[in-house]
Amino acid sequence: MNQVIVVGNMGQDPKRRETVSGNVVVSLSVAINRNYKDKNGEYQQATDWVNVEAWNDLANSIYEDLHKGDAVIVWL
């Protein structure tokens, strides 16, 4: 089994929608900052983005409690 743990900050407020069957879906983007040394030996900073979706009860909690800039941990 593979596991992914994403630690970062919310890039924007979560977006909420409902499916035709009534399920709640929330989409969010998580920014992950990383530092690395380039080929010249200088430190650089880059940001990677991870898109995440949550459904139903978890989606409602995320939509009510999290906002742009909040620190989050997503365990997949």
PDB file of N, CA and C in Angstrom:
ATOM      1  N   MET A   1       0.838  -1.171   0.000  1.00  0.00           N
ATOM      2  CA  MET A   1       0.000   0.000   0.000  1.00  0.00           C
ATOM      3  C   MET A   1       0.886   1.237   0.000  1.00  0.00           C
ATOM      4  N   ASN A   2       0.532   2.198  -0.833  1.00  0.00           N
ATOM      5  CA  ASN A   2       1.257   3.459  -0.898  1.00  0.00           C
ATOM      6  C   ASN A   2       0.565   4.495  -0.038  1.00  0.00           C
ATOM      7  N   GLN A   3       1.366   5.348   0.571  1.00  0.00           N
ATOM      8  CA  GLN A   3       0.839   6.427   1.389  1.00  0.00           C
ATOM      9  C   GLN A   3       1.489   7.731   0.970  1.00  0.00           C
ATOM     10  N   VAL A   4       0.710   8.791   1.018  1.00  0.00           N
ATOM     11  CA  VAL A   4       1.230  10.123   0.737  1.00  0.00           C
ATOM     12  C   VAL A   4       0.770  11.046   1.849  1.00  0.00           C
ATOM     13  N   ILE A   5       1.698  11.815   2.388  1.00  0.00           N
ATOM     14  CA  ILE A   5       1.360  12.833   3.375  1.00  0.00           C
ATOM     15  C   ILE A   5       1.797  14.173   2.792  1.00  0.00           C
ATOM     16  N   VAL A   6       0.832  15.059   2.602  1.00  0.00           N
ATOM     17  CA  VAL A   6       1.089  16.376   2.031  1.00  0.00           C
ATOM     18  C   VAL A   6       1.003  17.402   3.153  1.00  0.00           C
ATOM     19  N   VAL A   7       2.076  18.153   3.349  1.00  0.00           N
ATOM     20  CA  VAL A   7       2.116  19.195   4.371  1.00  0.00           C
ATOM     21  C   VAL A   7       2.381  20.516   3.669  1.00  0.00           C
ATOM     22  N   GLY A   8       1.455  21.455   3.836  1.00  0.00           N
ATOM     23  CA  GLY A   8       1.623  22.742   3.174  1.00  0.00           C
ATOM     24  C   GLY A   8       0.587  23.739   3.631  1.00  0.00           C
ATOM     25  N   ASN A   9       0.340  24.725   2.785  1.00  0.00           N
ATOM     26  CA  ASN A   9      -0.618  25.776   3.099  1.00  0.00           C
ATOM     27  C   ASN A   9      -1.674  25.848   2.004  1.00  0.00           C
ATOM     28  N   MET A  10      -2.882  26.227   2.416  1.00  0.00           N
ATOM     29  CA  MET A  10      -3.974  26.388   1.467  1.00  0.00           C
ATOM     30  C   MET A  10      -3.640  27.538   0.520  1.00  0.00           C
ATOM     31  N   GLY A  11      -3.759  27.291  -0.779  1.00  0.00           N
ATOM     32  CA  GLY A  11      -3.462  28.326  -1.759  1.00  0.00           C
ATOM     33  C   GLY A  11      -4.628  29.269  -1.998  1.00  0.00           C
ATOM     34  N   GLN A  12      -5.832  28.805  -1.694  1.00  0.00           N
ATOM     35  CA  GLN A  12      -7.041  29.618  -1.860  1.00  0.00           C
ATOM     36  C   GLN A  12      -8.125  29.024  -0.983  1.00  0.00           C
ATOM     37  N   ASP A  13      -9.218  29.739  -0.822  1.00  0.00           N
ATOM     38  CA  ASP A  13     -10.336  29.191  -0.065  1.00  0.00           C
ATOM     39  C   ASP A  13     -10.878  27.956  -0.784  1.00  0.00           C
ATOM     40  N   PRO A  14     -11.339  26.951  -0.029  1.00  0.00           N
ATOM     41  CA  PRO A  14     -11.878  25.752  -0.673  1.00  0.00           C
ATOM     42  C   PRO A  14     -13.121  26.074  -1.498  1.00  0.00           C
ATOM     43  N   LYS A  15     -13.298  25.339  -2.587  1.00  0.00           N
ATOM     44  CA  LYS A  15     -14.468  25.517  -3.456  1.00  0.00           C
ATOM     45  C   LYS A  15     -15.424  24.356  -3.230  1.00  0.00           C
ATOM     46  N   ARG A  16     -16.678  24.673  -2.966  1.00  0.00           N
ATOM     47  CA  ARG A  16     -17.693  23.671  -2.635  1.00  0.00           C
ATOM     48  C   ARG A  16     -18.681  23.535  -3.778  1.00  0.00           C
ATOM     49  N   ARG A  17     -19.068  22.283  -4.060  1.00  0.00           N
ATOM     50  CA  ARG A  17     -20.114  22.023  -5.043  1.00  0.00           C
ATOM     51  C   ARG A  17     -20.862  20.753  -4.650  1.00  0.00           C
ATOM     52  N   GLU A  18     -21.989  20.530  -5.276  1.00  0.00           N
ATOM     53  CA  GLU A  18     -22.779  19.324  -5.024  1.00  0.00           C
ATOM     54  C   GLU A  18     -22.973  18.569  -6.325  1.00  0.00           C
ATOM     55  N   THR A  19     -22.941  17.245  -6.216  1.00  0.00           N
ATOM     56  CA  THR A  19     -23.209  16.414  -7.382  1.00  0.00           C
ATOM     57  C   THR A  19     -24.716  16.308  -7.578  1.00  0.00           C
ATOM     58  N   VAL A  20     -25.130  15.774  -8.709  1.00  0.00           N
ATOM     59  CA  VAL A  20     -26.568  15.622  -8.968  1.00  0.00           C
ATOM     60  C   VAL A  20     -27.224  14.690  -7.963  1.00  0.00           C
ATOM     61  N   SER A  21     -26.445  13.771  -7.415  1.00  0.00           N
ATOM     62  CA  SER A  21     -27.008  12.847  -6.424  1.00  0.00           C
ATOM     63  C   SER A  21     -27.011  13.433  -5.011  1.00  0.00           C
ATOM     64  N   GLY A  22     -26.518  14.675  -4.844  1.00  0.00           N
ATOM     65  CA  GLY A  22     -26.575  15.340  -3.548  1.00  0.00           C
ATOM     66  C   GLY A  22     -25.319  15.240  -2.709  1.00  0.00           C
ATOM     67  N   ASN A  23     -24.268  14.600  -3.222  1.00  0.00           N
ATOM     68  CA  ASN A  23     -23.012  14.525  -2.477  1.00  0.00           C
ATOM     69  C   ASN A  23     -22.293  15.867  -2.515  1.00  0.00           C
ATOM     70  N   VAL A  24     -21.673  16.227  -1.405  1.00  0.00           N
ATOM     71  CA  VAL A  24     -20.911  17.477  -1.313  1.00  0.00           C
ATOM     72  C   VAL A  24     -19.458  17.177  -1.650  1.00  0.00           C
ATOM     73  N   VAL A  25     -18.871  18.013  -2.505  1.00  0.00           N
ATOM     74  CA  VAL A  25     -17.471  17.874  -2.901  1.00  0.00           C
ATOM     75  C   VAL A  25     -16.779  19.213  -2.684  1.00  0.00           C
ATOM     76  N   VAL A  26     -15.616  19.167  -2.056  1.00  0.00           N
ATOM     77  CA  VAL A  26     -14.824  20.378  -1.849  1.00  0.00           C
ATOM     78  C   VAL A  26     -13.474  20.167  -2.523  1.00  0.00           C
ATOM     79  N   SER A  27     -13.051  21.146  -3.292  1.00  0.00           N
ATOM     80  CA  SER A  27     -11.735  21.121  -3.940  1.00  0.00           C
ATOM     81  C   SER A  27     -10.840  22.150  -3.268  1.00  0.00           C
ATOM     82  N   LEU A  28      -9.583  21.763  -3.048  1.00  0.00           N
ATOM     83  CA  LEU A  28      -8.633  22.697  -2.465  1.00  0.00           C
ATOM     84  C   LEU A  28      -7.265  22.464  -3.072  1.00  0.00           C
ATOM     85  N   SER A  29      -6.441  23.488  -3.051  1.00  0.00           N
ATOM     86  CA  SER A  29      -5.068  23.359  -3.531  1.00  0.00           C
ATOM     87  C   SER A  29      -4.123  23.647  -2.372  1.00  0.00           C
ATOM     88  N   VAL A  30      -3.098  22.803  -2.274  1.00  0.00           N
ATOM     89  CA  VAL A  30      -2.134  22.913  -1.187  1.00  0.00           C
ATOM     90  C   VAL A  30      -0.775  23.256  -1.787  1.00  0.00           C
ATOM     91  N   ALA A  31      -0.174  24.325  -1.291  1.00  0.00           N
ATOM     92  CA  ALA A  31       1.151  24.754  -1.739  1.00  0.00           C
ATOM     93  C   ALA A  31       2.217  24.119  -0.859  1.00  0.00           C
ATOM     94  N   ILE A  32       3.189  23.500  -1.509  1.00  0.00           N
ATOM     95  CA  ILE A  32       4.304  22.873  -0.794  1.00  0.00           C
ATOM     96  C   ILE A  32       5.569  23.605  -1.218  1.00  0.00           C
ATOM     97  N   ASN A  33       6.219  24.273  -0.281  1.00  0.00           N
ATOM     98  CA  ASN A  33       7.463  24.987  -0.575  1.00  0.00           C
ATOM     99  C   ASN A  33       8.642  24.069  -0.335  1.00  0.00           C
ATOM    100  N   ARG A  34       9.592  24.114  -1.250  1.00  0.00           N
ATOM    101  CA  ARG A  34      10.799  23.309  -1.085  1.00  0.00           C
ATOM    102  C   ARG A  34      12.016  24.135  -1.455  1.00  0.00           C
ATOM    103  N   ASN A  35      13.101  23.851  -0.779  1.00  0.00           N
ATOM    104  CA  ASN A  35      14.372  24.519  -1.044  1.00  0.00           C
ATOM    105  C   ASN A  35      15.341  23.500  -1.623  1.00  0.00           C
ATOM    106  N   TYR A  36      16.155  23.947  -2.570  1.00  0.00           N
ATOM    107  CA  TYR A  36      17.137  23.062  -3.174  1.00  0.00           C
ATOM    108  C   TYR A  36      18.335  23.878  -3.635  1.00  0.00           C
ATOM    109  N   LYS A  37      19.412  23.170  -3.885  1.00  0.00           N
ATOM    110  CA  LYS A  37      20.627  23.819  -4.359  1.00  0.00           C
ATOM    111  C   LYS A  37      20.723  23.575  -5.863  1.00  0.00           C
ATOM    112  N   ASP A  38      20.867  24.661  -6.645  1.00  0.00           N
ATOM    113  CA  ASP A  38      20.970  24.508  -8.093  1.00  0.00           C
ATOM    114  C   ASP A  38      22.381  24.072  -8.493  1.00  0.00           C
ATOM    115  N   LYS A  39      22.596  23.916  -9.802  1.00  0.00           N
ATOM    116  CA  LYS A  39      23.890  23.404 -10.273  1.00  0.00           C
ATOM    117  C   LYS A  39      25.052  24.347  -9.994  1.00  0.00           C
ATOM    118  N   ASN A  40      24.740  25.629  -9.697  1.00  0.00           N
ATOM    119  CA  ASN A  40      25.777  26.596  -9.337  1.00  0.00           C
ATOM    120  C   ASN A  40      26.036  26.632  -7.833  1.00  0.00           C
ATOM    121  N   GLY A  41      25.319  25.807  -7.080  1.00  0.00           N
ATOM    122  CA  GLY A  41      25.504  25.749  -5.639  1.00  0.00           C
ATOM    123  C   GLY A  41      24.712  26.783  -4.867  1.00  0.00           C
ATOM    124  N   GLU A  42      23.827  27.516  -5.554  1.00  0.00           N
ATOM    125  CA  GLU A  42      23.008  28.518  -4.885  1.00  0.00           C
ATOM    126  C   GLU A  42      21.666  27.924  -4.482  1.00  0.00           C
ATOM    127  N   TYR A  43      21.189  28.361  -3.330  1.00  0.00           N
ATOM    128  CA  TYR A  43      19.898  27.869  -2.863  1.00  0.00           C
ATOM    129  C   TYR A  43      18.751  28.542  -3.610  1.00  0.00           C
ATOM    130  N   GLN A  44      17.786  27.742  -3.996  1.00  0.00           N
ATOM    131  CA  GLN A  44      16.594  28.209  -4.696  1.00  0.00           C
ATOM    132  C   GLN A  44      15.364  27.740  -3.937  1.00  0.00           C
ATOM    133  N   GLN A  45      14.251  28.417  -4.151  1.00  0.00           N
ATOM    134  CA  GLN A  45      12.994  28.001  -3.548  1.00  0.00           C
ATOM    135  C   GLN A  45      11.980  27.787  -4.669  1.00  0.00           C
ATOM    136  N   ALA A  46      11.214  26.703  -4.557  1.00  0.00           N
ATOM    137  CA  ALA A  46      10.172  26.400  -5.538  1.00  0.00           C
ATOM    138  C   ALA A  46       8.907  26.006  -4.795  1.00  0.00           C
ATOM    139  N   THR A  47       7.773  26.205  -5.448  1.00  0.00           N
ATOM    140  CA  THR A  47       6.485  25.827  -4.868  1.00  0.00           C
ATOM    141  C   THR A  47       5.824  24.796  -5.769  1.00  0.00           C
ATOM    142  N   ASP A  48       5.436  23.675  -5.183  1.00  0.00           N
ATOM    143  CA  ASP A  48       4.670  22.651  -5.888  1.00  0.00           C
ATOM    144  C   ASP A  48       3.238  22.718  -5.393  1.00  0.00           C
ATOM    145  N   TRP A  49       2.283  22.456  -6.289  1.00  0.00           N
ATOM    146  CA  TRP A  49       0.867  22.518  -5.941  1.00  0.00           C
ATOM    147  C   TRP A  49       0.249  21.130  -6.029  1.00  0.00           C
ATOM    148  N   VAL A  50      -0.532  20.784  -5.024  1.00  0.00           N
ATOM    149  CA  VAL A  50      -1.252  19.517  -5.002  1.00  0.00           C
ATOM    150  C   VAL A  50      -2.740  19.833  -4.903  1.00  0.00           C
ATOM    151  N   ASN A  51      -3.520  19.311  -5.850  1.00  0.00           N
ATOM    152  CA  ASN A  51      -4.971  19.486  -5.828  1.00  0.00           C
ATOM    153  C   ASN A  51      -5.605  18.314  -5.091  1.00  0.00           C
ATOM    154  N   VAL A  52      -6.532  18.625  -4.185  1.00  0.00           N
ATOM    155  CA  VAL A  52      -7.161  17.617  -3.334  1.00  0.00           C
ATOM    156  C   VAL A  52      -8.674  17.794  -3.399  1.00  0.00           C
ATOM    157  N   GLU A  53      -9.401  16.677  -3.363  1.00  0.00           N
ATOM    158  CA  GLU A  53     -10.857  16.711  -3.247  1.00  0.00           C
ATOM    159  C   GLU A  53     -11.275  15.940  -2.016  1.00  0.00           C
ATOM    160  N   ALA A  54     -12.277  16.447  -1.328  1.00  0.00           N
ATOM    161  CA  ALA A  54     -12.860  15.764  -0.171  1.00  0.00           C
ATOM    162  C   ALA A  54     -14.363  15.665  -0.398  1.00  0.00           C
ATOM    163  N   TRP A  55     -14.977  14.652   0.176  1.00  0.00           N
ATOM    164  CA  TRP A  55     -16.392  14.379  -0.068  1.00  0.00           C
ATOM    165  C   TRP A  55     -17.188  14.371   1.232  1.00  0.00           C
ATOM    166  N   ASN A  56     -18.439  14.740   1.137  1.00  0.00           N
ATOM    167  CA  ASN A  56     -19.480  14.644   2.159  1.00  0.00           C
ATOM    168  C   ASN A  56     -19.103  15.293   3.486  1.00  0.00           C
ATOM    169  N   ASP A  57     -19.111  14.550   4.606  1.00  0.00           N
ATOM    170  CA  ASP A  57     -18.888  15.156   5.929  1.00  0.00           C
ATOM    171  C   ASP A  57     -17.528  15.838   6.030  1.00  0.00           C
ATOM    172  N   LEU A  58     -16.489  15.189   5.531  1.00  0.00           N
ATOM    173  CA  LEU A  58     -15.155  15.797   5.559  1.00  0.00           C
ATOM    174  C   LEU A  58     -15.139  17.070   4.722  1.00  0.00           C
ATOM    175  N   ALA A  59     -15.808  17.042   3.585  1.00  0.00           N
ATOM    176  CA  ALA A  59     -15.882  18.225   2.722  1.00  0.00           C
ATOM    177  C   ALA A  59     -16.549  19.393   3.448  1.00  0.00           C
ATOM    178  N   ASN A  60     -17.632  19.119   4.143  1.00  0.00           N
ATOM    179  CA  ASN A  60     -18.317  20.179   4.892  1.00  0.00           C
ATOM    180  C   ASN A  60     -17.425  20.770   5.970  1.00  0.00           C
ATOM    181  N   SER A  61     -16.687  19.924   6.691  1.00  0.00           N
ATOM    182  CA  SER A  61     -15.775  20.415   7.737  1.00  0.00           C
ATOM    183  C   SER A  61     -14.686  21.298   7.154  1.00  0.00           C
ATOM    184  N   ILE A  62     -14.110  20.847   6.049  1.00  0.00           N
ATOM    185  CA  ILE A  62     -13.049  21.620   5.408  1.00  0.00           C
ATOM    186  C   ILE A  62     -13.587  22.973   4.953  1.00  0.00           C
ATOM    187  N   TYR A  63     -14.745  22.965   4.331  1.00  0.00           N
ATOM    188  CA  TYR A  63     -15.329  24.195   3.804  1.00  0.00           C
ATOM    189  C   TYR A  63     -15.615  25.207   4.913  1.00  0.00           C
ATOM    190  N   GLU A  64     -16.054  24.727   6.065  1.00  0.00           N
ATOM    191  CA  GLU A  64     -16.395  25.623   7.179  1.00  0.00           C
ATOM    192  C   GLU A  64     -15.173  26.107   7.956  1.00  0.00           C
ATOM    193  N   ASP A  65     -14.117  25.280   8.041  1.00  0.00           N
ATOM    194  CA  ASP A  65     -13.024  25.565   8.967  1.00  0.00           C
ATOM    195  C   ASP A  65     -11.733  26.076   8.332  1.00  0.00           C
ATOM    196  N   LEU A  66     -11.484  25.784   7.064  1.00  0.00           N
ATOM    197  CA  LEU A  66     -10.196  26.130   6.468  1.00  0.00           C
ATOM    198  C   LEU A  66     -10.331  27.279   5.474  1.00  0.00           C
ATOM    199  N   HIS A  67      -9.278  28.101   5.429  1.00  0.00           N
ATOM    200  CA  HIS A  67      -9.270  29.269   4.551  1.00  0.00           C
ATOM    201  C   HIS A  67      -7.890  29.441   3.940  1.00  0.00           C
ATOM    202  N   LYS A  68      -7.795  30.300   2.956  1.00  0.00           N
ATOM    203  CA  LYS A  68      -6.533  30.579   2.274  1.00  0.00           C
ATOM    204  C   LYS A  68      -5.437  30.895   3.288  1.00  0.00           C
ATOM    205  N   GLY A  69      -4.276  30.261   3.114  1.00  0.00           N
ATOM    206  CA  GLY A  69      -3.130  30.507   3.987  1.00  0.00           C
ATOM    207  C   GLY A  69      -3.029  29.572   5.169  1.00  0.00           C
ATOM    208  N   ASP A  70      -4.105  28.870   5.515  1.00  0.00           N
ATOM    209  CA  ASP A  70      -4.076  27.942   6.655  1.00  0.00           C
ATOM    210  C   ASP A  70      -3.132  26.781   6.372  1.00  0.00           C
ATOM    211  N   ALA A  71      -2.404  26.363   7.406  1.00  0.00           N
ATOM    212  CA  ALA A  71      -1.543  25.186   7.306  1.00  0.00           C
ATOM    213  C   ALA A  71      -2.412  23.931   7.358  1.00  0.00           C
ATOM    214  N   VAL A  72      -2.092  22.967   6.476  1.00  0.00           N
ATOM    215  CA  VAL A  72      -2.865  21.724   6.426  1.00  0.00           C
ATOM    216  C   VAL A  72      -1.943  20.525   6.276  1.00  0.00           C
ATOM    217  N   ILE A  73      -2.434  19.385   6.747  1.00  0.00           N
ATOM    218  CA  ILE A  73      -1.795  18.094   6.517  1.00  0.00           C
ATOM    219  C   ILE A  73      -2.853  17.212   5.887  1.00  0.00           C
ATOM    220  N   VAL A  74      -2.547  16.678   4.712  1.00  0.00           N
ATOM    221  CA  VAL A  74      -3.456  15.783   4.018  1.00  0.00           C
ATOM    222  C   VAL A  74      -2.801  14.418   3.977  1.00  0.00           C
ATOM    223  N   TRP A  75      -3.480  13.422   4.514  1.00  0.00           N
ATOM    224  CA  TRP A  75      -2.950  12.066   4.569  1.00  0.00           C
ATOM    225  C   TRP A  75      -3.776  11.221   3.620  1.00  0.00           C
ATOM    226  N   LEU A  76      -3.148  10.759   2.556  1.00  0.00           N
ATOM    227  CA  LEU A  76      -3.818   9.953   1.545  1.00  0.00           C
ATOM    228  C   LEU A  76      -3.360   8.517   1.615  1.00  0.00           C
TER     229      LEU A  76
END
